[in-house]
Protein backbone atom coordinates (compact mmCIF):
# COMPACT_ATOMS: atom_id res chain seq x y z
CA MET A 1 8.18 41.48 4.14
CA LYS A 2 9.91 44.82 4.74
CA LEU A 3 12.31 43.22 7.21
CA LEU A 4 13.17 40.46 4.73
CA LEU A 5 13.77 42.99 1.95
CA PHE A 6 15.96 45.10 4.21
CA ALA A 7 17.94 42.08 5.38
CA SER A 8 18.65 40.96 1.82
CA LEU A 9 19.68 44.48 0.77
CA PHE A 10 21.85 44.84 3.87
CA LEU A 11 23.61 41.55 3.16
CA ALA A 12 24.05 42.43 -0.51
CA ILE A 13 25.92 45.66 0.22
CA GLY A 14 27.39 44.75 3.59
CA GLY A 15 30.49 43.11 2.16
CA ARG A 16 31.47 46.02 -0.04
CA ARG A 17 33.51 48.89 1.29
CA MET A 18 32.05 52.26 0.49
CA GLN A 19 34.07 55.41 0.08
CA MET A 20 34.15 57.64 3.15
CA TRP A 21 32.24 60.52 1.51
CA ARG A 22 29.26 58.31 0.79
CA LYS A 23 26.37 57.98 3.21
CA ARG A 24 25.32 54.56 4.45
CA CYS A 25 21.91 53.12 5.08
CA GLU A 26 22.08 52.47 8.81
CA VAL A 27 19.84 49.85 10.43
CA ALA A 28 18.29 52.42 12.79
CA VAL A 29 17.39 54.77 9.94
CA ALA A 30 16.00 52.00 7.73
CA SER A 31 13.84 50.54 10.50
CA ALA A 32 12.39 53.98 11.28
CA MET A 33 11.40 54.63 7.67
CA ASP A 34 7.80 53.91 6.73
CA CYS A 35 8.16 52.85 3.10
CA PRO A 36 4.85 51.59 1.69
CA TYR A 37 6.58 49.77 -1.18
CA GLY A 38 9.75 48.57 0.50
CA LEU A 39 13.25 49.87 0.98
CA ALA A 40 15.85 50.65 -1.67
CA ILE A 41 19.46 51.72 -1.44
CA GLY A 42 20.11 55.06 -3.15
CA ALA A 43 22.96 55.95 -5.49
CA TYR A 44 25.17 56.97 -2.57
CA GLY A 45 24.31 54.11 -0.21
CA ASP A 46 21.60 56.05 1.60
CA CYS A 47 18.18 54.67 2.54
CA THR A 48 15.34 55.51 0.18
CA CYS A 49 11.84 54.20 -0.32
CA ALA A 50 11.32 52.00 -3.37
CA LYS A 51 9.00 53.18 -6.14
CA ALA A 52 5.71 51.47 -7.02
CA PHE A 53 4.21 50.41 -10.36
CA GLY A 54 3.78 53.48 -12.60
CA ASP A 55 6.07 55.74 -10.56
CA GLU A 56 8.95 57.63 -12.18
CA CYS A 57 12.39 56.05 -11.80
CA GLY A 58 15.91 56.32 -13.11
CA GLY A 59 17.47 59.61 -14.12
CA PRO A 60 21.07 60.61 -13.44
CA ASN A 61 22.40 58.30 -10.68
CA ASN A 62 18.82 57.04 -10.21
CA ALA A 63 17.89 60.42 -8.72
CA LEU A 64 14.21 59.69 -9.43
CA GLY A 65 14.45 56.45 -7.45
CA LYS A 66 14.62 52.70 -7.84
CA CYS A 67 11.68 50.34 -8.32
CA ASP A 68 10.41 47.86 -5.73
CA VAL A 69 11.23 44.15 -5.92
CA GLY A 70 9.56 42.53 -8.96
CA LEU A 71 9.47 45.81 -10.90
CA LEU A 72 11.86 47.17 -13.51
CA CYS A 73 12.58 50.73 -14.56
CA ASP A 74 11.40 50.87 -18.19
CA LYS A 75 13.74 53.40 -19.78
CA ASN A 76 16.14 53.87 -22.67
CA MET A 77 18.96 51.58 -21.55
CA ALA A 78 21.40 53.22 -23.99
CA ASP A 79 21.18 56.43 -21.94
CA PRO A 80 22.28 55.92 -18.31
CA SER A 81 20.62 59.22 -17.34
CA ALA A 82 17.26 58.34 -18.92
CA GLU A 83 14.05 58.68 -16.94
CA GLY A 84 11.52 55.88 -16.94
CA LYS A 85 8.49 54.30 -15.26
CA CYS A 86 8.32 51.28 -12.96
CA VAL A 87 6.73 48.33 -14.75
CA PHE A 88 6.29 44.63 -13.99
CA GLY A 89 9.41 42.69 -14.92
């Protein structure tokens, strides 16, 4: 499941060019991470672990994290810097 999630994320961002100052989620780094709820790509293209149901998410540039597949960050959508909680979508 983790490998499938990583592969889909890798393919989703693989075609886009990222600016040189941004980090990238490298295959070696992602495969070494032990994320209990899957892998997510951070605001700057770096590898992060996805958040689980009830965890905090969102914030400025998603600094609090992104939710796992099947979950949504329940927050005030009018405020891009709003903090929220991961809920079932």
